[in-house]
Structures are given as C-alpha cells and as structure tokens.
Amino acid sequence: MKKIYYLATCDTCKKIMEDVGISAQSGFQLQDIRTQKITPEQLGEMKTLAGSYEALFSRRALLYKELGLKDKKLTENDYRDYILKHDTFLKRPVVIMNGHIFIGSEKKNVEALAAFVKQKAT
C-alpha cells in the first residue's frame, strides 16, 4: 500500500509531494485529512507503524497553545483523541509505503522518504 495523509491547503505538504514524486499517477492513495477525516482504524494503523500516538502528534499546531496542552500531561489516549478531533494535531504529511511510515516535514524524514521512494522505483 502507498498512501499519504496530507492537507491540500498546506504548501509544505504540496512541496514534499512534488519533490518526492508522490501523486495519484505514481500509485499513491491521497487523503486530504480536511475533506476526508481520519478514521480511528486509519489512526490505529499509523500508530502501529509509528509506535505511539505521540509520534504522530504535532506540538506546532496553534491549538496546542490555545488549549493550554503544553501545560498538561497528555496520555496516549489524549494524543489519539486530539488527532481524531482536530486534523491540525496530526504531523503532516504522513506517508505509508510498503509497511514503512514517514511522519512530518523535518528534513531528515523527507530525505529518508525520498530515498525510500527512489529505491522502490528502481
């Protein structure tokens, strides 16, 4: 399976997809998480591959500060619930490819994703 969870309005997501060659034409399922909400089952699959809900959780979201979450001790269930309630809490993009997961837009993650996609294309 080749799938990406992203926001169509996010310039960073669009740039990563373009740079790495992720598109429907390249065999990826594209899911804009704003228009097609993440299901609990999908999030559970991501958690299995990532190891935790916390690994999928974005502390950069504006709501993180607005809700005062930085001052709270969050549990795995809290991370899960916040991601399911507000798409902004999912680190984006999330790419699942051949049983591997790549989370977020940090340079090292994007480089690893690009290398993996290139390797699988050859």
PDB file of N, CA and C in Angstrom:
ATOM      1  N   MET A   1       0.833  -1.182   0.000  1.00  0.00           N
ATOM      2  CA  MET A   1       0.000   0.000   0.000  1.00  0.00           C
ATOM      3  C   MET A   1       0.882   1.250   0.000  1.00  0.00           C
ATOM      4  N   LYS A   2       0.472   2.213  -0.790  1.00  0.00           N
ATOM      5  CA  LYS A   2       1.157   3.506  -0.839  1.00  0.00           C
ATOM      6  C   LYS A   2       0.100   4.570  -0.591  1.00  0.00           C
ATOM      7  N   LYS A   3       0.228   5.279   0.537  1.00  0.00           N
ATOM      8  CA  LYS A   3      -0.793   6.255   0.909  1.00  0.00           C
ATOM      9  C   LYS A   3      -0.151   7.453   1.572  1.00  0.00           C
ATOM     10  N   ILE A   4      -0.755   8.624   1.343  1.00  0.00           N
ATOM     11  CA  ILE A   4      -0.306   9.835   2.009  1.00  0.00           C
ATOM     12  C   ILE A   4      -1.512  10.533   2.630  1.00  0.00           C
ATOM     13  N   TYR A   5      -1.337  10.933   3.884  1.00  0.00           N
ATOM     14  CA  TYR A   5      -2.305  11.758   4.599  1.00  0.00           C
ATOM     15  C   TYR A   5      -1.708  13.161   4.622  1.00  0.00           C
ATOM     16  N   TYR A   6      -2.442  14.135   4.108  1.00  0.00           N
ATOM     17  CA  TYR A   6      -1.898  15.476   3.950  1.00  0.00           C
ATOM     18  C   TYR A   6      -3.029  16.495   3.975  1.00  0.00           C
ATOM     19  N   LEU A   7      -2.667  17.758   3.919  1.00  0.00           N
ATOM     20  CA  LEU A   7      -3.641  18.835   3.749  1.00  0.00           C
ATOM     21  C   LEU A   7      -3.417  19.467   2.378  1.00  0.00           C
ATOM     22  N   ALA A   8      -4.455  19.525   1.577  1.00  0.00           N
ATOM     23  CA  ALA A   8      -4.334  20.094   0.233  1.00  0.00           C
ATOM     24  C   ALA A   8      -3.996  21.580   0.291  1.00  0.00           C
ATOM     25  N   THR A   9      -4.312  22.234   1.392  1.00  0.00           N
ATOM     26  CA  THR A   9      -4.034  23.668   1.535  1.00  0.00           C
ATOM     27  C   THR A   9      -2.649  23.951   2.113  1.00  0.00           C
ATOM     28  N   CYS A  10      -1.906  22.915   2.434  1.00  0.00           N
ATOM     29  CA  CYS A  10      -0.586  23.066   3.068  1.00  0.00           C
ATOM     30  C   CYS A  10       0.503  23.101   1.990  1.00  0.00           C
ATOM     31  N   ASP A  11       1.165  24.261   1.865  1.00  0.00           N
ATOM     32  CA  ASP A  11       2.216  24.404   0.865  1.00  0.00           C
ATOM     33  C   ASP A  11       3.389  23.455   1.125  1.00  0.00           C
ATOM     34  N   THR A  12       3.703  23.213   2.395  1.00  0.00           N
ATOM     35  CA  THR A  12       4.795  22.294   2.737  1.00  0.00           C
ATOM     36  C   THR A  12       4.470  20.886   2.250  1.00  0.00           C
ATOM     37  N   CYS A  13       3.244  20.434   2.513  1.00  0.00           N
ATOM     38  CA  CYS A  13       2.838  19.103   2.044  1.00  0.00           C
ATOM     39  C   CYS A  13       2.936  19.014   0.524  1.00  0.00           C
ATOM     40  N   LYS A  14       2.441  20.034  -0.170  1.00  0.00           N
ATOM     41  CA  LYS A  14       2.461  20.029  -1.637  1.00  0.00           C
ATOM     42  C   LYS A  14       3.890  20.001  -2.172  1.00  0.00           C
ATOM     43  N   LYS A  15       4.775  20.755  -1.539  1.00  0.00           N
ATOM     44  CA  LYS A  15       6.175  20.783  -1.983  1.00  0.00           C
ATOM     45  C   LYS A  15       6.831  19.423  -1.781  1.00  0.00           C
ATOM     46  N   ILE A  16       6.609  18.811  -0.628  1.00  0.00           N
ATOM     47  CA  ILE A  16       7.185  17.491  -0.363  1.00  0.00           C
ATOM     48  C   ILE A  16       6.663  16.481  -1.384  1.00  0.00           C
ATOM     49  N   MET A  17       5.370  16.502  -1.641  1.00  0.00           N
ATOM     50  CA  MET A  17       4.792  15.570  -2.608  1.00  0.00           C
ATOM     51  C   MET A  17       5.408  15.761  -3.988  1.00  0.00           C
ATOM     52  N   GLU A  18       5.582  17.009  -4.380  1.00  0.00           N
ATOM     53  CA  GLU A  18       6.180  17.307  -5.682  1.00  0.00           C
ATOM     54  C   GLU A  18       7.644  16.876  -5.736  1.00  0.00           C
ATOM     55  N   ASP A  19       8.401  17.217  -4.696  1.00  0.00           N
ATOM     56  CA  ASP A  19       9.834  16.904  -4.665  1.00  0.00           C
ATOM     57  C   ASP A  19      10.100  15.397  -4.652  1.00  0.00           C
ATOM     58  N   VAL A  20       9.243  14.660  -3.949  1.00  0.00           N
ATOM     59  CA  VAL A  20       9.459  13.218  -3.787  1.00  0.00           C
ATOM     60  C   VAL A  20       8.791  12.417  -4.904  1.00  0.00           C
ATOM     61  N   GLY A  21       7.839  13.026  -5.584  1.00  0.00           N
ATOM     62  CA  GLY A  21       7.157  12.319  -6.667  1.00  0.00           C
ATOM     63  C   GLY A  21       5.947  11.537  -6.204  1.00  0.00           C
ATOM     64  N   ILE A  22       5.245  12.072  -5.215  1.00  0.00           N
ATOM     65  CA  ILE A  22       4.046  11.414  -4.701  1.00  0.00           C
ATOM     66  C   ILE A  22       2.834  12.022  -5.380  1.00  0.00           C
ATOM     67  N   SER A  23       2.074  11.161  -6.065  1.00  0.00           N
ATOM     68  CA  SER A  23       0.857  11.594  -6.738  1.00  0.00           C
ATOM     69  C   SER A  23      -0.017  10.372  -6.976  1.00  0.00           C
ATOM     70  N   ALA A  24      -1.243  10.628  -7.376  1.00  0.00           N
ATOM     71  CA  ALA A  24      -2.123   9.512  -7.729  1.00  0.00           C
ATOM     72  C   ALA A  24      -1.553   8.752  -8.925  1.00  0.00           C
ATOM     73  N   GLN A  25      -0.902   9.486  -9.835  1.00  0.00           N
ATOM     74  CA  GLN A  25      -0.315   8.863 -11.024  1.00  0.00           C
ATOM     75  C   GLN A  25       0.847   7.927 -10.673  1.00  0.00           C
ATOM     76  N   SER A  26       1.498   8.195  -9.540  1.00  0.00           N
ATOM     77  CA  SER A  26       2.608   7.317  -9.126  1.00  0.00           C
ATOM     78  C   SER A  26       2.129   6.195  -8.208  1.00  0.00           C
ATOM     79  N   GLY A  27       0.816   6.001  -8.146  1.00  0.00           N
ATOM     80  CA  GLY A  27       0.264   4.869  -7.421  1.00  0.00           C
ATOM     81  C   GLY A  27      -0.077   5.129  -5.959  1.00  0.00           C
ATOM     82  N   PHE A  28      -0.030   6.369  -5.532  1.00  0.00           N
ATOM     83  CA  PHE A  28      -0.359   6.697  -4.147  1.00  0.00           C
ATOM     84  C   PHE A  28      -1.843   7.002  -4.000  1.00  0.00           C
ATOM     85  N   GLN A  29      -2.385   6.534  -2.886  1.00  0.00           N
ATOM     86  CA  GLN A  29      -3.712   6.967  -2.466  1.00  0.00           C
ATOM     87  C   GLN A  29      -3.513   8.277  -1.732  1.00  0.00           C
ATOM     88  N   LEU A  30      -4.228   9.318  -2.132  1.00  0.00           N
ATOM     89  CA  LEU A  30      -4.104  10.622  -1.495  1.00  0.00           C
ATOM     90  C   LEU A  30      -5.324  10.862  -0.616  1.00  0.00           C
ATOM     91  N   GLN A  31      -5.083  11.222   0.636  1.00  0.00           N
ATOM     92  CA  GLN A  31      -6.199  11.540   1.525  1.00  0.00           C
ATOM     93  C   GLN A  31      -5.976  12.906   2.148  1.00  0.00           C
ATOM     94  N   ASP A  32      -6.764  13.869   1.683  1.00  0.00           N
ATOM     95  CA  ASP A  32      -6.755  15.209   2.272  1.00  0.00           C
ATOM     96  C   ASP A  32      -7.528  15.093   3.588  1.00  0.00           C
ATOM     97  N   ILE A  33      -6.830  15.225   4.698  1.00  0.00           N
ATOM     98  CA  ILE A  33      -7.446  14.964   6.002  1.00  0.00           C
ATOM     99  C   ILE A  33      -8.456  16.044   6.413  1.00  0.00           C
ATOM    100  N   ARG A  34      -8.507  17.133   5.676  1.00  0.00           N
ATOM    101  CA  ARG A  34      -9.506  18.167   5.965  1.00  0.00           C
ATOM    102  C   ARG A  34     -10.852  17.779   5.364  1.00  0.00           C
ATOM    103  N   THR A  35     -10.832  17.195   4.172  1.00  0.00           N
ATOM    104  CA  THR A  35     -12.079  16.843   3.481  1.00  0.00           C
ATOM    105  C   THR A  35     -12.483  15.392   3.710  1.00  0.00           C
ATOM    106  N   GLN A  36     -11.517  14.544   4.035  1.00  0.00           N
ATOM    107  CA  GLN A  36     -11.792  13.127   4.298  1.00  0.00           C
ATOM    108  C   GLN A  36     -11.130  12.787   5.630  1.00  0.00           C
ATOM    109  N   LYS A  37     -11.911  12.892   6.700  1.00  0.00           N
ATOM    110  CA  LYS A  37     -11.378  12.735   8.061  1.00  0.00           C
ATOM    111  C   LYS A  37     -10.698  11.382   8.259  1.00  0.00           C
ATOM    112  N   ILE A  38      -9.703  11.385   9.123  1.00  0.00           N
ATOM    113  CA  ILE A  38      -9.012  10.153   9.503  1.00  0.00           C
ATOM    114  C   ILE A  38      -9.952   9.327  10.369  1.00  0.00           C
ATOM    115  N   THR A  39     -10.026   8.052  10.079  1.00  0.00           N
ATOM    116  CA  THR A  39     -10.852   7.154  10.894  1.00  0.00           C
ATOM    117  C   THR A  39     -10.017   6.614  12.051  1.00  0.00           C
ATOM    118  N   PRO A  40     -10.686   6.153  13.102  1.00  0.00           N
ATOM    119  CA  PRO A  40      -9.935   5.523  14.193  1.00  0.00           C
ATOM    120  C   PRO A  40      -9.088   4.340  13.713  1.00  0.00           C
ATOM    121  N   GLU A  41      -9.594   3.602  12.728  1.00  0.00           N
ATOM    122  CA  GLU A  41      -8.852   2.457  12.196  1.00  0.00           C
ATOM    123  C   GLU A  41      -7.579   2.920  11.482  1.00  0.00           C
ATOM    124  N   GLN A  42      -7.692   3.973  10.687  1.00  0.00           N
ATOM    125  CA  GLN A  42      -6.523   4.505   9.990  1.00  0.00           C
ATOM    126  C   GLN A  42      -5.486   5.016  10.986  1.00  0.00           C
ATOM    127  N   LEU A  43      -5.953   5.726  12.000  1.00  0.00           N
ATOM    128  CA  LEU A  43      -5.031   6.236  13.006  1.00  0.00           C
ATOM    129  C   LEU A  43      -4.384   5.085  13.770  1.00  0.00           C
ATOM    130  N   GLY A  44      -5.139   4.033  14.023  1.00  0.00           N
ATOM    131  CA  GLY A  44      -4.584   2.849  14.681  1.00  0.00           C
ATOM    132  C   GLY A  44      -3.486   2.196  13.855  1.00  0.00           C
ATOM    133  N   GLU A  45      -3.680   2.146  12.539  1.00  0.00           N
ATOM    134  CA  GLU A  45      -2.653   1.601  11.645  1.00  0.00           C
ATOM    135  C   GLU A  45      -1.394   2.468  11.699  1.00  0.00           C
ATOM    136  N   MET A  46      -1.582   3.792  11.677  1.00  0.00           N
ATOM    137  CA  MET A  46      -0.437   4.699  11.768  1.00  0.00           C
ATOM    138  C   MET A  46       0.300   4.492  13.084  1.00  0.00           C
ATOM    139  N   LYS A  47      -0.454   4.345  14.167  1.00  0.00           N
ATOM    140  CA  LYS A  47       0.145   4.155  15.493  1.00  0.00           C
ATOM    141  C   LYS A  47       0.965   2.863  15.542  1.00  0.00           C
ATOM    142  N   THR A  48       0.433   1.811  14.936  1.00  0.00           N
ATOM    143  CA  THR A  48       1.146   0.532  14.911  1.00  0.00           C
ATOM    144  C   THR A  48       2.498   0.695  14.229  1.00  0.00           C
ATOM    145  N   LEU A  49       2.521   1.398  13.119  1.00  0.00           N
ATOM    146  CA  LEU A  49       3.768   1.597  12.386  1.00  0.00           C
ATOM    147  C   LEU A  49       4.695   2.595  13.080  1.00  0.00           C
ATOM    148  N   ALA A  50       4.117   3.624  13.708  1.00  0.00           N
ATOM    149  CA  ALA A  50       4.917   4.682  14.342  1.00  0.00           C
ATOM    150  C   ALA A  50       5.367   4.316  15.752  1.00  0.00           C
ATOM    151  N   GLY A  51       4.630   3.424  16.407  1.00  0.00           N
ATOM    152  CA  GLY A  51       4.982   3.020  17.767  1.00  0.00           C
ATOM    153  C   GLY A  51       4.193   3.723  18.853  1.00  0.00           C
ATOM    154  N   SER A  52       3.626   4.892  18.530  1.00  0.00           N
ATOM    155  CA  SER A  52       2.821   5.618  19.524  1.00  0.00           C
ATOM    156  C   SER A  52       1.998   6.684  18.828  1.00  0.00           C
ATOM    157  N   TYR A  53       0.947   7.118  19.516  1.00  0.00           N
ATOM    158  CA  TYR A  53       0.174   8.252  19.016  1.00  0.00           C
ATOM    159  C   TYR A  53       0.975   9.543  19.180  1.00  0.00           C
ATOM    160  N   GLU A  54       1.782   9.587  20.215  1.00  0.00           N
ATOM    161  CA  GLU A  54       2.592  10.785  20.468  1.00  0.00           C
ATOM    162  C   GLU A  54       3.516  11.084  19.281  1.00  0.00           C
ATOM    163  N   ALA A  55       4.043  10.042  18.641  1.00  0.00           N
ATOM    164  CA  ALA A  55       4.926  10.234  17.486  1.00  0.00           C
ATOM    165  C   ALA A  55       4.201  10.889  16.315  1.00  0.00           C
ATOM    166  N   LEU A  56       2.888  10.780  16.294  1.00  0.00           N
ATOM    167  CA  LEU A  56       2.072  11.347  15.223  1.00  0.00           C
ATOM    168  C   LEU A  56       1.530  12.728  15.569  1.00  0.00           C
ATOM    169  N   PHE A  57       1.719  13.152  16.802  1.00  0.00           N
ATOM    170  CA  PHE A  57       1.105  14.366  17.331  1.00  0.00           C
ATOM    171  C   PHE A  57       1.983  15.591  17.094  1.00  0.00           C
ATOM    172  N   SER A  58       1.370  16.645  16.585  1.00  0.00           N
ATOM    173  CA  SER A  58       2.096  17.880  16.308  1.00  0.00           C
ATOM    174  C   SER A  58       1.916  18.884  17.444  1.00  0.00           C
ATOM    175  N   ARG A  59       3.032  19.249  18.042  1.00  0.00           N
ATOM    176  CA  ARG A  59       3.006  20.287  19.072  1.00  0.00           C
ATOM    177  C   ARG A  59       3.139  21.681  18.452  1.00  0.00           C
ATOM    178  N   ARG A  60       3.279  21.745  17.155  1.00  0.00           N
ATOM    179  CA  ARG A  60       3.412  23.024  16.457  1.00  0.00           C
ATOM    180  C   ARG A  60       2.049  23.629  16.116  1.00  0.00           C
ATOM    181  N   ALA A  61       0.998  22.863  16.290  1.00  0.00           N
ATOM    182  CA  ALA A  61      -0.343  23.338  15.979  1.00  0.00           C
ATOM    183  C   ALA A  61      -0.707  24.513  16.891  1.00  0.00           C
ATOM    184  N   LEU A  62      -1.353  25.518  16.319  1.00  0.00           N
ATOM    185  CA  LEU A  62      -1.766  26.671  17.112  1.00  0.00           C
ATOM    186  C   LEU A  62      -2.685  26.275  18.260  1.00  0.00           C
ATOM    187  N   LEU A  63      -3.545  25.299  18.010  1.00  0.00           N
ATOM    188  CA  LEU A  63      -4.462  24.844  19.060  1.00  0.00           C
ATOM    189  C   LEU A  63      -3.732  24.274  20.270  1.00  0.00           C
ATOM    190  N   TYR A  64      -2.533  23.775  20.063  1.00  0.00           N
ATOM    191  CA  TYR A  64      -1.754  23.207  21.170  1.00  0.00           C
ATOM    192  C   TYR A  64      -1.564  24.247  22.263  1.00  0.00           C
ATOM    193  N   LYS A  65      -1.188  25.444  21.870  1.00  0.00           N
ATOM    194  CA  LYS A  65      -1.011  26.526  22.844  1.00  0.00           C
ATOM    195  C   LYS A  65      -2.356  27.086  23.292  1.00  0.00           C
ATOM    196  N   GLU A  66      -3.269  27.273  22.342  1.00  0.00           N
ATOM    197  CA  GLU A  66      -4.573  27.849  22.665  1.00  0.00           C
ATOM    198  C   GLU A  66      -5.323  27.030  23.707  1.00  0.00           C
ATOM    199  N   LEU A  67      -5.225  25.710  23.617  1.00  0.00           N
ATOM    200  CA  LEU A  67      -5.914  24.834  24.567  1.00  0.00           C
ATOM    201  C   LEU A  67      -5.102  24.594  25.839  1.00  0.00           C
ATOM    202  N   GLY A  68      -3.909  25.176  25.904  1.00  0.00           N
ATOM    203  CA  GLY A  68      -3.068  25.016  27.083  1.00  0.00           C
ATOM    204  C   GLY A  68      -2.520  23.607  27.255  1.00  0.00           C
ATOM    205  N   LEU A  69      -2.375  22.887  26.157  1.00  0.00           N
ATOM    206  CA  LEU A  69      -1.943  21.487  26.242  1.00  0.00           C
ATOM    207  C   LEU A  69      -0.481  21.349  26.659  1.00  0.00           C
ATOM    208  N   LYS A  70       0.317  22.396  26.405  1.00  0.00           N
ATOM    209  CA  LYS A  70       1.735  22.299  26.773  1.00  0.00           C
ATOM    210  C   LYS A  70       1.918  22.233  28.284  1.00  0.00           C
ATOM    211  N   ASP A  71       0.897  22.645  29.029  1.00  0.00           N
ATOM    212  CA  ASP A  71       0.970  22.620  30.485  1.00  0.00           C
ATOM    213  C   ASP A  71       0.324  21.379  31.083  1.00  0.00           C
ATOM    214  N   LYS A  72      -0.141  20.473  30.232  1.00  0.00           N
ATOM    215  CA  LYS A  72      -0.820  19.266  30.699  1.00  0.00           C
ATOM    216  C   LYS A  72       0.020  18.034  30.390  1.00  0.00           C
ATOM    217  N   LYS A  73      -0.151  17.013  31.200  1.00  0.00           N
ATOM    218  CA  LYS A  73       0.489  15.714  30.962  1.00  0.00           C
ATOM    219  C   LYS A  73      -0.485  14.879  30.144  1.00  0.00           C
ATOM    220  N   LEU A  74      -0.189  14.730  28.846  1.00  0.00           N
ATOM    221  CA  LEU A  74      -1.089  14.003  27.963  1.00  0.00           C
ATOM    222  C   LEU A  74      -0.746  12.514  27.921  1.00  0.00           C
ATOM    223  N   THR A  75      -1.787  11.698  27.836  1.00  0.00           N
ATOM    224  CA  THR A  75      -1.625  10.252  27.714  1.00  0.00           C
ATOM    225  C   THR A  75      -1.726   9.851  26.251  1.00  0.00           C
ATOM    226  N   GLU A  76      -1.438   8.610  25.946  1.00  0.00           N
ATOM    227  CA  GLU A  76      -1.589   8.106  24.577  1.00  0.00           C
ATOM    228  C   GLU A  76      -3.034   8.284  24.098  1.00  0.00           C
ATOM    229  N   ASN A  77      -3.995   8.015  24.982  1.00  0.00           N
ATOM    230  CA  ASN A  77      -5.396   8.201  24.603  1.00  0.00           C
ATOM    231  C   ASN A  77      -5.712   9.662  24.322  1.00  0.00           C
ATOM    232  N   ASP A  78      -5.095  10.578  25.077  1.00  0.00           N
ATOM    233  CA  ASP A  78      -5.287  12.009  24.822  1.00  0.00           C
ATOM    234  C   ASP A  78      -4.773  12.371  23.431  1.00  0.00           C
ATOM    235  N   TYR A  79      -3.557  11.910  23.106  1.00  0.00           N
ATOM    236  CA  TYR A  79      -2.996  12.188  21.783  1.00  0.00           C
ATOM    237  C   TYR A  79      -3.929  11.669  20.696  1.00  0.00           C
ATOM    238  N   ARG A  80      -4.394  10.451  20.861  1.00  0.00           N
ATOM    239  CA  ARG A  80      -5.300   9.825  19.893  1.00  0.00           C
ATOM    240  C   ARG A  80      -6.570  10.665  19.726  1.00  0.00           C
ATOM    241  N   ASP A  81      -7.185  11.017  20.836  1.00  0.00           N
ATOM    242  CA  ASP A  81      -8.443  11.759  20.788  1.00  0.00           C
ATOM    243  C   ASP A  81      -8.272  13.134  20.146  1.00  0.00           C
ATOM    244  N   TYR A  82      -7.195  13.833  20.477  1.00  0.00           N
ATOM    245  CA  TYR A  82      -6.967  15.152  19.885  1.00  0.00           C
ATOM    246  C   TYR A  82      -6.736  15.059  18.375  1.00  0.00           C
ATOM    247  N   ILE A  83      -5.988  14.056  17.935  1.00  0.00           N
ATOM    248  CA  ILE A  83      -5.753  13.887  16.491  1.00  0.00           C
ATOM    249  C   ILE A  83      -7.071  13.601  15.767  1.00  0.00           C
ATOM    250  N   LEU A  84      -7.908  12.765  16.362  1.00  0.00           N
ATOM    251  CA  LEU A  84      -9.184  12.433  15.729  1.00  0.00           C
ATOM    252  C   LEU A  84     -10.147  13.620  15.724  1.00  0.00           C
ATOM    253  N   LYS A  85     -10.078  14.480  16.731  1.00  0.00           N
ATOM    254  CA  LYS A  85     -10.983  15.635  16.810  1.00  0.00           C
ATOM    255  C   LYS A  85     -10.536  16.791  15.924  1.00  0.00           C
ATOM    256  N   HIS A  86      -9.224  17.011  15.834  1.00  0.00           N
ATOM    257  CA  HIS A  86      -8.687  18.165  15.116  1.00  0.00           C
ATOM    258  C   HIS A  86      -7.554  17.721  14.196  1.00  0.00           C
ATOM    259  N   ASP A  87      -7.780  17.770  12.892  1.00  0.00           N
ATOM    260  CA  ASP A  87      -6.755  17.316  11.948  1.00  0.00           C
ATOM    261  C   ASP A  87      -5.450  18.084  12.100  1.00  0.00           C
ATOM    262  N   THR A  88      -5.506  19.262  12.670  1.00  0.00           N
ATOM    263  CA  THR A  88      -4.302  20.081  12.844  1.00  0.00           C
ATOM    264  C   THR A  88      -3.274  19.425  13.772  1.00  0.00           C
ATOM    265  N   PHE A  89      -3.713  18.478  14.592  1.00  0.00           N
ATOM    266  CA  PHE A  89      -2.798  17.825  15.525  1.00  0.00           C
ATOM    267  C   PHE A  89      -2.008  16.673  14.903  1.00  0.00           C
ATOM    268  N   LEU A  90      -2.316  16.294  13.668  1.00  0.00           N
ATOM    269  CA  LEU A  90      -1.538  15.247  13.005  1.00  0.00           C
ATOM    270  C   LEU A  90      -0.323  15.878  12.348  1.00  0.00           C
ATOM    271  N   LYS A  91       0.867  15.360  12.664  1.00  0.00           N
ATOM    272  CA  LYS A  91       2.071  15.819  11.955  1.00  0.00           C
ATOM    273  C   LYS A  91       1.868  15.471  10.492  1.00  0.00           C
ATOM    274  N   ARG A  92       2.176  16.436   9.638  1.00  0.00           N
ATOM    275  CA  ARG A  92       1.918  16.207   8.223  1.00  0.00           C
ATOM    276  C   ARG A  92       3.166  16.474   7.404  1.00  0.00           C
ATOM    277  N   PRO A  93       3.242  15.761   6.287  1.00  0.00           N
ATOM    278  CA  PRO A  93       2.387  14.663   5.849  1.00  0.00           C
ATOM    279  C   PRO A  93       2.773  13.352   6.539  1.00  0.00           C
ATOM    280  N   VAL A  94       1.868  12.395   6.453  1.00  0.00           N
ATOM    281  CA  VAL A  94       2.169  11.032   6.891  1.00  0.00           C
ATOM    282  C   VAL A  94       2.110  10.162   5.647  1.00  0.00           C
ATOM    283  N   VAL A  95       3.219   9.504   5.350  1.00  0.00           N
ATOM    284  CA  VAL A  95       3.304   8.633   4.183  1.00  0.00           C
ATOM    285  C   VAL A  95       3.502   7.203   4.666  1.00  0.00           C
ATOM    286  N   ILE A  96       2.664   6.315   4.158  1.00  0.00           N
ATOM    287  CA  ILE A  96       2.802   4.882   4.437  1.00  0.00           C
ATOM    288  C   ILE A  96       3.104   4.205   3.111  1.00  0.00           C
ATOM    289  N   MET A  97       4.205   3.453   3.107  1.00  0.00           N
ATOM    290  CA  MET A  97       4.630   2.793   1.874  1.00  0.00           C
ATOM    291  C   MET A  97       5.302   1.478   2.210  1.00  0.00           C
ATOM    292  N   ASN A  98       4.752   0.394   1.706  1.00  0.00           N
ATOM    293  CA  ASN A  98       5.338  -0.938   1.891  1.00  0.00           C
ATOM    294  C   ASN A  98       5.661  -1.238   3.349  1.00  0.00           C
ATOM    295  N   GLY A  99       4.729  -0.915   4.248  1.00  0.00           N
ATOM    296  CA  GLY A  99       4.909  -1.214   5.661  1.00  0.00           C
ATOM    297  C   GLY A  99       5.821  -0.258   6.413  1.00  0.00           C
ATOM    298  N   HIS A 100       6.245   0.818   5.775  1.00  0.00           N
ATOM    299  CA  HIS A 100       7.079   1.836   6.416  1.00  0.00           C
ATOM    300  C   HIS A 100       6.271   3.121   6.544  1.00  0.00           C
ATOM    301  N   ILE A 101       6.584   3.898   7.573  1.00  0.00           N
ATOM    302  CA  ILE A 101       5.879   5.159   7.787  1.00  0.00           C
ATOM    303  C   ILE A 101       6.881   6.300   7.886  1.00  0.00           C
ATOM    304  N   PHE A 102       6.514   7.412   7.286  1.00  0.00           N
ATOM    305  CA  PHE A 102       7.328   8.624   7.322  1.00  0.00           C
ATOM    306  C   PHE A 102       6.408   9.746   7.803  1.00  0.00           C
ATOM    307  N   ILE A 103       6.806  10.406   8.889  1.00  0.00           N
ATOM    308  CA  ILE A 103       5.922  11.346   9.572  1.00  0.00           C
ATOM    309  C   ILE A 103       6.545  12.734   9.602  1.00  0.00           C
ATOM    310  N   GLY A 104       5.801  13.707   9.100  1.00  0.00           N
ATOM    311  CA  GLY A 104       6.189  15.095   9.252  1.00  0.00           C
ATOM    312  C   GLY A 104       7.094  15.621   8.158  1.00  0.00           C
ATOM    313  N   SER A 105       7.449  16.892   8.339  1.00  0.00           N
ATOM    314  CA  SER A 105       8.189  17.615   7.308  1.00  0.00           C
ATOM    315  C   SER A 105       9.622  17.939   7.697  1.00  0.00           C
ATOM    316  N   GLU A 106      10.116  17.317   8.771  1.00  0.00           N
ATOM    317  CA  GLU A 106      11.511  17.555   9.144  1.00  0.00           C
ATOM    318  C   GLU A 106      12.420  17.060   8.028  1.00  0.00           C
ATOM    319  N   LYS A 107      13.507  17.774   7.819  1.00  0.00           N
ATOM    320  CA  LYS A 107      14.407  17.491   6.705  1.00  0.00           C
ATOM    321  C   LYS A 107      14.853  16.031   6.669  1.00  0.00           C
ATOM    322  N   LYS A 108      15.245  15.468   7.808  1.00  0.00           N
ATOM    323  CA  LYS A 108      15.736  14.078   7.813  1.00  0.00           C
ATOM    324  C   LYS A 108      14.638  13.092   7.418  1.00  0.00           C
ATOM    325  N   ASN A 109      13.390  13.379   7.798  1.00  0.00           N
ATOM    326  CA  ASN A 109      12.281  12.493   7.420  1.00  0.00           C
ATOM    327  C   ASN A 109      11.998  12.577   5.926  1.00  0.00           C
ATOM    328  N   VAL A 110      12.032  13.792   5.389  1.00  0.00           N
ATOM    329  CA  VAL A 110      11.776  13.972   3.958  1.00  0.00           C
ATOM    330  C   VAL A 110      12.890  13.327   3.141  1.00  0.00           C
ATOM    331  N   GLU A 111      14.135  13.461   3.586  1.00  0.00           N
ATOM    332  CA  GLU A 111      15.253  12.830   2.883  1.00  0.00           C
ATOM    333  C   GLU A 111      15.127  11.311   2.909  1.00  0.00           C
ATOM    334  N   ALA A 112      14.733  10.761   4.057  1.00  0.00           N
ATOM    335  CA  ALA A 112      14.557   9.302   4.164  1.00  0.00           C
ATOM    336  C   ALA A 112      13.414   8.841   3.262  1.00  0.00           C
ATOM    337  N   LEU A 113      12.336   9.604   3.218  1.00  0.00           N
ATOM    338  CA  LEU A 113      11.206   9.282   2.348  1.00  0.00           C
ATOM    339  C   LEU A 113      11.636   9.316   0.883  1.00  0.00           C
ATOM    340  N   ALA A 114      12.338  10.360   0.486  1.00  0.00           N
ATOM    341  CA  ALA A 114      12.781  10.487  -0.905  1.00  0.00           C
ATOM    342  C   ALA A 114      13.675   9.313  -1.306  1.00  0.00           C
ATOM    343  N   ALA A 115      14.594   8.941  -0.424  1.00  0.00           N
ATOM    344  CA  ALA A 115      15.487   7.812  -0.711  1.00  0.00           C
ATOM    345  C   ALA A 115      14.696   6.514  -0.827  1.00  0.00           C
ATOM    346  N   PHE A 116      13.708   6.342   0.042  1.00  0.00           N
ATOM    347  CA  PHE A 116      12.897   5.123   0.028  1.00  0.00           C
ATOM    348  C   PHE A 116      12.065   5.048  -1.253  1.00  0.00           C
ATOM    349  N   VAL A 117      11.447   6.156  -1.626  1.00  0.00           N
ATOM    350  CA  VAL A 117      10.625   6.177  -2.845  1.00  0.00           C
ATOM    351  C   VAL A 117      11.505   5.906  -4.066  1.00  0.00           C
ATOM    352  N   LYS A 118      12.680   6.519  -4.106  1.00  0.00           N
ATOM    353  CA  LYS A 118      13.599   6.317  -5.231  1.00  0.00           C
ATOM    354  C   LYS A 118      14.043   4.864  -5.304  1.00  0.00           C
ATOM    355  N   GLN A 119      14.367   4.274  -4.154  1.00  0.00           N
ATOM    356  CA  GLN A 119      14.814   2.879  -4.103  1.00  0.00           C
ATOM    357  C   GLN A 119      13.709   1.941  -4.617  1.00  0.00           C
ATOM    358  N   LYS A 120      12.476   2.183  -4.221  1.00  0.00           N
ATOM    359  CA  LYS A 120      11.363   1.318  -4.614  1.00  0.00           C
ATOM    360  C   LYS A 120      10.998   1.501  -6.081  1.00  0.00           C
ATOM    361  N   ALA A 121      11.356   2.649  -6.639  1.00  0.00           N
ATOM    362  CA  ALA A 121      11.029   2.915  -8.053  1.00  0.00           C
ATOM    363  C   ALA A 121      12.012   2.214  -8.989  1.00  0.00           C
ATOM    364  N   THR A 122      13.187   1.837  -8.470  1.00  0.00           N
ATOM    365  CA  THR A 122      14.191   1.210  -9.345  1.00  0.00           C
ATOM    366  C   THR A 122      14.110  -0.300  -9.295  1.00  0.00           C
TER     367      THR A 122
END
